[in-house]
Each structure stands twice: as C-alpha cells, then as structure tokens.
Protein backbone atom coordinates (compact mmCIF):
# COMPACT_ATOMS: atom_id res chain seq x y z
CA MET A 1 -20.66 -18.69 -46.58
CA ALA A 2 -18.78 -16.01 -48.53
CA THR A 3 -17.13 -18.51 -50.90
CA LYS A 4 -20.33 -19.80 -52.49
CA PRO A 5 -21.41 -16.45 -53.98
CA ARG A 6 -17.89 -15.89 -55.28
CA SER A 7 -17.85 -19.29 -57.00
CA GLU A 8 -21.28 -18.70 -58.53
CA SER A 9 -20.27 -15.25 -59.75
CA ALA A 10 -17.13 -16.72 -61.35
CA VAL A 11 -19.20 -19.35 -63.16
CA ASN A 12 -21.66 -16.74 -64.34
CA ALA A 13 -18.79 -14.60 -65.59
CA LEU A 14 -17.40 -17.53 -67.60
CA ARG A 15 -20.80 -18.12 -69.20
CA MET A 16 -20.77 -14.58 -70.53
CA ILE A 17 -17.35 -15.09 -72.20
CA PRO A 18 -17.06 -16.81 -75.60
CA THR A 19 -16.39 -20.55 -75.38
CA LYS A 20 -12.85 -20.48 -76.79
CA TRP A 21 -11.81 -17.76 -74.35
CA ALA A 22 -13.43 -19.59 -71.46
CA VAL A 23 -11.48 -22.77 -72.37
CA LEU A 24 -8.25 -20.78 -72.58
CA ILE A 25 -8.83 -19.14 -69.18
CA ILE A 26 -9.65 -22.50 -67.57
CA GLY A 27 -6.46 -23.98 -69.08
CA VAL A 28 -4.37 -21.11 -67.70
CA VAL A 29 -5.92 -21.55 -64.22
CA ILE A 30 -5.20 -25.29 -64.27
CA ALA A 31 -1.57 -24.68 -65.35
CA TYR A 32 -1.15 -22.10 -62.58
CA VAL A 33 -2.53 -24.52 -59.96
CA VAL A 34 -0.13 -27.26 -61.11
CA PHE A 35 3.06 -25.22 -61.48
CA GLN A 36 2.66 -22.52 -58.78
CA PRO A 37 4.16 -24.64 -55.93
CA ARG A 38 7.07 -25.80 -58.12
CA VAL A 39 7.88 -22.26 -59.35
CA ASN A 40 7.93 -21.03 -55.74
CA GLN A 41 10.25 -23.90 -54.79
CA TRP A 42 12.63 -23.46 -57.75
CA PHE A 43 12.98 -19.67 -57.75
CA GLY A 44 12.13 -18.81 -54.15
CA TRP A 45 9.12 -16.78 -55.24
CA LYS A 46 5.94 -16.38 -53.19
CA LEU A 47 3.19 -16.60 -55.81
CA PRO A 48 -0.23 -16.87 -54.12
CA SER A 49 -2.25 -20.02 -54.58
CA VAL A 50 -5.62 -20.00 -56.32
CA ALA A 51 -7.26 -20.95 -53.03
CA SER A 52 -5.74 -17.93 -51.29
CA MET A 53 -6.91 -15.65 -54.12
CA VAL A 54 -10.50 -16.82 -53.77
CA GLY A 55 -10.27 -16.86 -49.97
CA ASP A 56 -10.49 -20.66 -49.46
CA GLU A 57 -6.95 -21.31 -48.23
CA LYS A 58 -6.61 -22.48 -44.64
CA PRO A 59 -3.54 -21.68 -42.50
CA SER A 60 -0.84 -24.31 -42.98
CA LYS A 61 0.19 -26.43 -40.05
CA ALA A 62 3.33 -27.69 -41.77
CA THR A 63 5.72 -25.43 -39.86
CA THR A 64 9.15 -26.58 -38.77
CA LYS A 65 10.34 -26.38 -35.21
CA LYS A 66 12.92 -23.74 -34.43
CA GLY A 67 16.45 -25.11 -34.60
CA GLU A 68 15.32 -28.27 -36.45
CA LEU A 69 17.49 -29.14 -39.43
CA SER A 70 15.96 -30.23 -42.73
CA LYS A 71 16.75 -33.67 -44.07
CA ASN A 72 19.02 -32.16 -46.72
CA ASP A 73 20.98 -30.15 -44.11
CA THR A 74 21.33 -33.23 -41.90
CA ALA A 75 22.55 -35.31 -44.82
CA LYS A 76 25.10 -32.65 -45.82
CA THR A 77 26.34 -32.41 -42.22
CA SER A 78 26.72 -36.16 -41.70
CA LYS A 79 28.26 -36.86 -45.12
CA LYS A 80 32.02 -36.15 -45.22
CA SER A 81 34.55 -37.41 -47.70
CA ALA A 82 37.52 -39.51 -46.57
CA ASP A 83 39.95 -36.88 -47.83
CA ALA A 84 38.31 -34.09 -45.82
CA GLU A 85 38.36 -36.25 -42.68
CA GLU A 86 42.06 -37.02 -43.15
CA ASP A 87 42.90 -33.32 -43.61
CA LEU A 88 41.04 -32.50 -40.40
CA GLU A 89 42.89 -35.20 -38.49
CA LEU A 90 46.25 -33.97 -39.79
CA GLU A 91 45.38 -30.43 -38.74
CA LYS A 92 44.46 -31.66 -35.25
CA GLU A 93 47.68 -33.71 -35.13
CA THR A 94 49.82 -30.65 -35.92
CA LYS A 95 48.02 -28.52 -33.34
CA ARG A 96 48.37 -31.23 -30.68
CA GLU A 97 52.07 -31.66 -31.42
CA ALA A 98 52.90 -27.95 -31.65
CA ALA A 99 50.79 -26.77 -28.69
CA SER A 100 52.84 -25.53 -25.77
CA PRO A 101 52.05 -27.08 -22.36
CA LYS A 102 50.46 -24.99 -19.62
CA LYS A 103 52.74 -22.89 -17.43
CA LYS A 104 52.63 -25.23 -14.45
CA THR A 105 53.27 -28.29 -16.58
CA ALA A 106 56.17 -26.55 -18.30
CA GLU A 107 57.73 -25.52 -14.98
CA LYS A 108 57.47 -29.07 -13.63
CA ALA A 109 58.96 -30.53 -16.81
CA LYS A 110 61.80 -27.98 -16.77
CA THR A 111 62.58 -28.72 -13.12
CA ALA A 112 62.58 -32.46 -13.77
CA VAL A 113 64.91 -32.13 -16.77
CA GLU A 114 67.35 -29.76 -15.05
CA ALA A 115 67.49 -32.07 -12.05
CA ASP A 116 69.01 -34.77 -14.26
CA ASP A 117 72.73 -35.07 -14.82
CA GLU A 118 73.70 -32.59 -17.54
CA ASN A 119 75.47 -35.37 -19.42
CA GLU A 120 72.37 -37.58 -19.36
CA PRO A 121 70.76 -37.78 -22.84
CA PRO A 122 67.10 -36.63 -22.84
CA ALA A 123 65.84 -39.47 -25.01
CA LYS A 124 66.56 -43.17 -25.45
CA ALA A 125 68.13 -44.43 -28.65
CA SER A 126 65.36 -47.01 -29.05
CA GLY A 127 62.66 -44.33 -29.10
CA GLN A 128 60.57 -46.21 -26.51
CA PRO A 129 58.10 -43.98 -24.60
CA ASP A 130 58.88 -43.47 -20.91
CA SER A 131 57.05 -45.66 -18.41
CA ASN A 132 55.91 -44.65 -14.93
CA LYS A 133 57.11 -47.99 -13.62
CA PRO A 134 60.72 -48.09 -12.41
CA SER A 135 63.02 -50.08 -14.65
CA PRO A 136 66.25 -51.85 -13.66
CA PRO A 137 69.40 -49.79 -14.22
CA SER A 138 71.02 -50.35 -17.57
CA LYS A 139 73.84 -48.51 -19.31
CA THR A 140 72.15 -48.89 -22.69
CA ALA A 141 68.85 -47.63 -21.26
CA THR A 142 70.33 -44.47 -19.80
CA LYS A 143 72.93 -43.59 -22.44
CA PRO A 144 73.29 -44.41 -26.13
CA LYS A 145 76.25 -46.42 -27.30
CA ASN A 146 78.14 -43.37 -28.49
CA ASP A 147 77.62 -41.60 -25.13
CA SER A 148 79.03 -44.24 -22.82
CA ASN A 149 81.54 -41.82 -21.27
CA ASP A 150 81.29 -38.32 -19.84
CA ASP A 151 82.98 -36.57 -22.77
CA GLU A 152 80.55 -33.83 -23.84
CA SER A 153 82.25 -33.64 -27.24
CA ASP A 154 80.74 -37.00 -28.21
CA PRO A 155 77.66 -36.35 -30.39
CA LEU A 156 74.30 -37.58 -29.07
CA TYR A 157 73.01 -40.43 -31.24
CA GLY A 158 76.21 -39.90 -33.22
CA PHE A 159 74.52 -36.84 -34.73
CA LEU A 160 73.73 -33.99 -32.27
CA SER A 161 76.21 -31.66 -30.58
CA LYS A 162 75.59 -30.34 -27.07
CA VAL A 163 75.23 -26.55 -27.06
CA GLY A 164 73.93 -25.94 -23.53
CA SER A 165 72.12 -27.48 -20.60
CA ASN A 166 69.91 -30.17 -22.16
CA ARG A 167 70.13 -28.46 -25.57
CA TYR A 168 71.46 -30.22 -28.66
CA GLU A 169 72.10 -28.91 -32.17
CA SER A 170 72.02 -30.77 -35.49
CA PRO A 171 74.46 -30.22 -38.38
CA ALA A 172 71.74 -28.21 -40.21
CA GLY A 173 71.33 -25.88 -37.21
CA LEU A 174 68.15 -27.29 -35.69
CA VAL A 175 68.07 -27.12 -31.87
CA TYR A 176 66.37 -29.70 -29.66
CA GLY A 177 65.77 -28.53 -26.10
CA PRO A 178 63.40 -28.84 -23.11
CA GLY A 179 59.69 -28.62 -23.84
CA SER A 180 56.52 -30.57 -24.68
CA GLU A 181 54.58 -32.83 -22.33
CA GLU A 182 57.42 -35.36 -22.38
CA GLY A 183 59.85 -32.80 -20.90
CA HIS A 184 62.17 -32.65 -23.91
CA ARG A 185 61.69 -32.32 -27.66
CA LEU A 186 63.85 -35.36 -28.36
CA LYS A 187 61.59 -37.52 -26.20
CA HIS A 188 58.64 -36.07 -28.04
CA ILE A 189 60.20 -36.84 -31.44
CA ALA A 190 60.98 -40.39 -30.34
CA ARG A 191 57.24 -41.08 -29.93
CA HIS A 192 57.04 -41.24 -33.72
CA LEU A 193 59.39 -44.19 -33.96
CA GLU A 194 56.56 -46.55 -32.95
CA ASP A 195 52.91 -46.84 -33.86
CA GLN A 196 50.15 -46.05 -31.37
CA PRO A 197 47.22 -48.03 -32.82
CA LYS A 198 44.71 -46.84 -30.21
CA ARG A 199 45.54 -43.15 -30.58
CA PRO A 200 42.58 -41.16 -32.02
CA GLY A 201 43.20 -39.79 -35.50
CA SER A 202 46.46 -40.26 -37.38
CA HIS A 203 49.92 -40.97 -35.94
CA GLY A 204 52.90 -40.73 -38.29
CA VAL A 205 55.55 -43.40 -37.77
CA PHE A 206 59.14 -43.17 -39.07
CA LYS A 207 60.72 -46.43 -40.21
CA GLY A 208 64.22 -46.42 -38.77
CA ASP A 209 66.15 -45.55 -35.61
CA MET A 210 66.57 -42.17 -33.93
CA LYS A 211 69.74 -41.25 -35.86
CA ALA A 212 68.05 -41.99 -39.21
CA PHE A 213 65.01 -39.95 -38.13
CA LEU A 214 67.11 -36.94 -37.11
CA THR A 215 69.06 -37.20 -40.37
CA ALA A 216 65.84 -37.18 -42.41
CA ILE A 217 64.59 -34.15 -40.47
CA ASP A 218 67.86 -32.30 -41.15
CA ASP A 219 67.76 -33.23 -44.83
CA GLY A 220 64.16 -32.07 -45.22
CA TYR A 221 64.84 -28.83 -43.33
CA SER A 222 67.84 -27.99 -45.53
CA ARG A 223 65.83 -28.62 -48.70
CA ALA A 224 62.88 -26.57 -47.50
CA LYS A 225 65.12 -23.65 -46.49
CA LYS A 226 66.44 -23.56 -50.06
CA GLY A 227 62.91 -23.64 -51.45
CA GLU A 228 63.53 -26.81 -53.45
CA LYS A 229 60.76 -28.63 -55.30
CA ARG A 230 58.46 -30.92 -53.32
CA THR A 231 58.77 -28.68 -50.24
CA THR A 232 56.36 -26.10 -48.81
CA LYS A 233 56.63 -23.44 -46.10
CA LYS A 234 53.79 -21.86 -44.12
CA GLU A 235 53.87 -19.38 -41.24
CA ASP A 236 51.56 -20.19 -38.34
CA GLY A 237 51.79 -17.46 -35.70
CA ASP A 238 55.30 -17.57 -34.26
CA SER A 239 55.88 -21.02 -35.75
CA THR A 240 56.90 -22.15 -39.23
CA VAL A 241 55.50 -25.35 -40.73
CA TYR A 242 57.59 -27.14 -43.37
CA GLU A 243 56.27 -30.06 -45.41
CA ILE A 244 58.75 -32.14 -47.38
CA THR A 245 58.13 -34.99 -49.82
CA PHE A 246 60.96 -37.53 -50.17
CA GLU A 247 61.67 -39.74 -53.16
CA LYS A 248 61.12 -42.92 -51.15
CA ALA A 249 58.75 -43.82 -48.33
CA ILE A 250 60.09 -42.76 -44.93
CA GLY A 251 57.37 -44.33 -42.80
CA PHE A 252 53.65 -45.02 -42.59
CA VAL A 253 50.45 -43.57 -41.17
CA GLY A 254 49.42 -45.22 -37.91
CA GLY A 255 46.96 -44.48 -35.14
CA GLU A 256 43.27 -45.35 -35.41
CA ALA A 257 42.84 -43.50 -38.73
CA GLY A 258 45.91 -45.16 -40.27
CA GLY A 259 44.84 -48.57 -39.00
CA ARG A 260 41.49 -48.24 -40.75
CA LYS A 261 43.39 -47.64 -44.01
CA LYS A 262 45.79 -50.54 -43.37
CA ASN A 263 48.71 -48.23 -42.45
CA PRO A 264 49.54 -46.72 -45.86
CA ALA A 265 53.19 -45.85 -46.55
CA THR A 266 54.09 -42.17 -46.84
CA LYS A 267 56.90 -40.10 -48.32
CA LYS A 268 55.91 -36.89 -46.51
CA LEU A 269 57.40 -35.26 -43.41
CA ARG A 270 55.95 -32.34 -41.45
CA LEU A 271 58.37 -30.20 -39.40
CA VAL A 272 57.30 -27.39 -37.05
CA VAL A 273 59.92 -24.97 -35.71
CA ARG A 274 60.09 -21.69 -33.83
CA GLY A 275 63.15 -19.96 -35.14
CA SER A 276 65.70 -22.78 -35.15
CA ASN A 277 64.05 -24.62 -32.23
CA VAL A 278 62.25 -27.84 -33.14
CA ILE A 279 58.69 -28.15 -31.84
CA THR A 280 57.72 -31.41 -33.56
CA ALA A 281 58.37 -33.54 -36.63
CA PHE A 282 56.53 -36.58 -37.93
CA PRO A 283 55.64 -38.44 -41.14
CA PHE A 284 52.10 -37.89 -42.40
C-alpha cells in the first residue's frame, strides 16, 4: 500500500519539472536500470537497484548452496592441459621411485638379501622383474655371463665393482646397494628395462641391456656433476635429483600415460641419489 503514494508523488514531482529536464531524468533512470546489474558484476560494486530504492524489491531466492561450485569453477577444475598432467605424473613417478619403504618392509628386504650368497648378483642381466613362482635353476638366470665363477674381482655386468656385502660401485663412483621394495637398487633399476603398459601414469623405459643402462647413468651423472649444458640439479630434502638430456634418444615413455601418446621417444634421464648412493634412475 505504501508504494502507490510514492509512485504518485514521483509522477507529480516530474510534472512540476520542465519537460526537457523530465526527459533527461527519465533517460538517466532507464540507463541506471539497464546498466546497474552489469556494473555490479564487472567491478564488484553493490549499487542498489531502482526497485530497492523505491521499496519494491523482494528478497532474492537465487542463493547458492554452501560448498556448491559455480559452473566456471567446475570448468576450471575439470579442464587441465596435457602438459600439466604429464608434469604431475612425472612428479608422482619420482616420489614413488625415491620413497623409502616402511621400516618392517626394509628389515624384511635386508634380511632376504643378506641371506643370499654374497657372491650372488642382486639383479638379472636381462632386467626381468622377479616372479613369485619358482623357476628352474639356471646358471644364466642366477649369474651374469661375466660372473660365472666365484672371483669377486670380476665386475658385475662387466661394469660394477663389489665394495661390500651386496654393494656395488660404478666407475663414476655411484653405489648400488640394498633398498627399495625389490630388495636391491639394481633390481629396482632393472624394472625400467621393460615397459609396464598397465602401470598408472608414466613409466620410463631404457632401450638397451643393463650394462648400457648403467653406462648411461654414469655418463649422465658425470656430466651433471660438472654442471655441463643440458643438465640440471635440484636438492630435494636429503636427496639430489639430476636431469640429463642426451644427444640421442635413450628410451621411450611407457605406462598408461605413455601408451596413450603412442610411447614417444625421449632423450632425458632422471637420476635420484643420496650422497653417492643411487635411489632410482629412469628415462622420462
């Protein structure tokens, strides 16, 4: 009932104003009605509406539920570029590879490794992952060709020298010893000699045998230590992450992510060490 007298008084007021001024005021009111919502949206202002100024505005029911995302926020969340997804997968890959096993798992792995014959190599030359099923005894399956006798002076894979119980050192000074879920770093490294197409994310695969892989790791480590071009170094807690780019492709990107991209070739190698001890190494 209160709005009708206000409207009538406004009309009466306009009648008392000269025509040209009345037209100008009406034009200003119309422009305000049209642009007020847009100005509030663009600049975040809270200009009152004409209806609220004359007391005709009703409370809005268009409120959003708490915790409900707008369409724009949902679209931004769901839309990710391929490059960002690949970087995230690589970061997860490094963390998975470099993560230390739990104490109980480490103790079991250490006990299992130390129970083996000290002259027994910790990884197979073929790089095949271990199977839970028993396999028939084979000299080539238990020892590489260059380790067919018990002479500890013979280098493992024709490349590594034994420096302690289940510990082997490369010519560049990298040490491979017990650790990781596989029980030994060499067994862990050997996983990257074959693709794992069903593994979530990316899985770097080196094209070559174990000796060639260890040689490439040594070469990349030596270059990165000198700070040569196409190498980077980053500290990550008590670990150091080296990334080396070679002149030619050293492998390809496998796993589910690599399979979706048709296993692109790569020239890059990522190496994670703690001191001189190798944690992991893989193409990416």
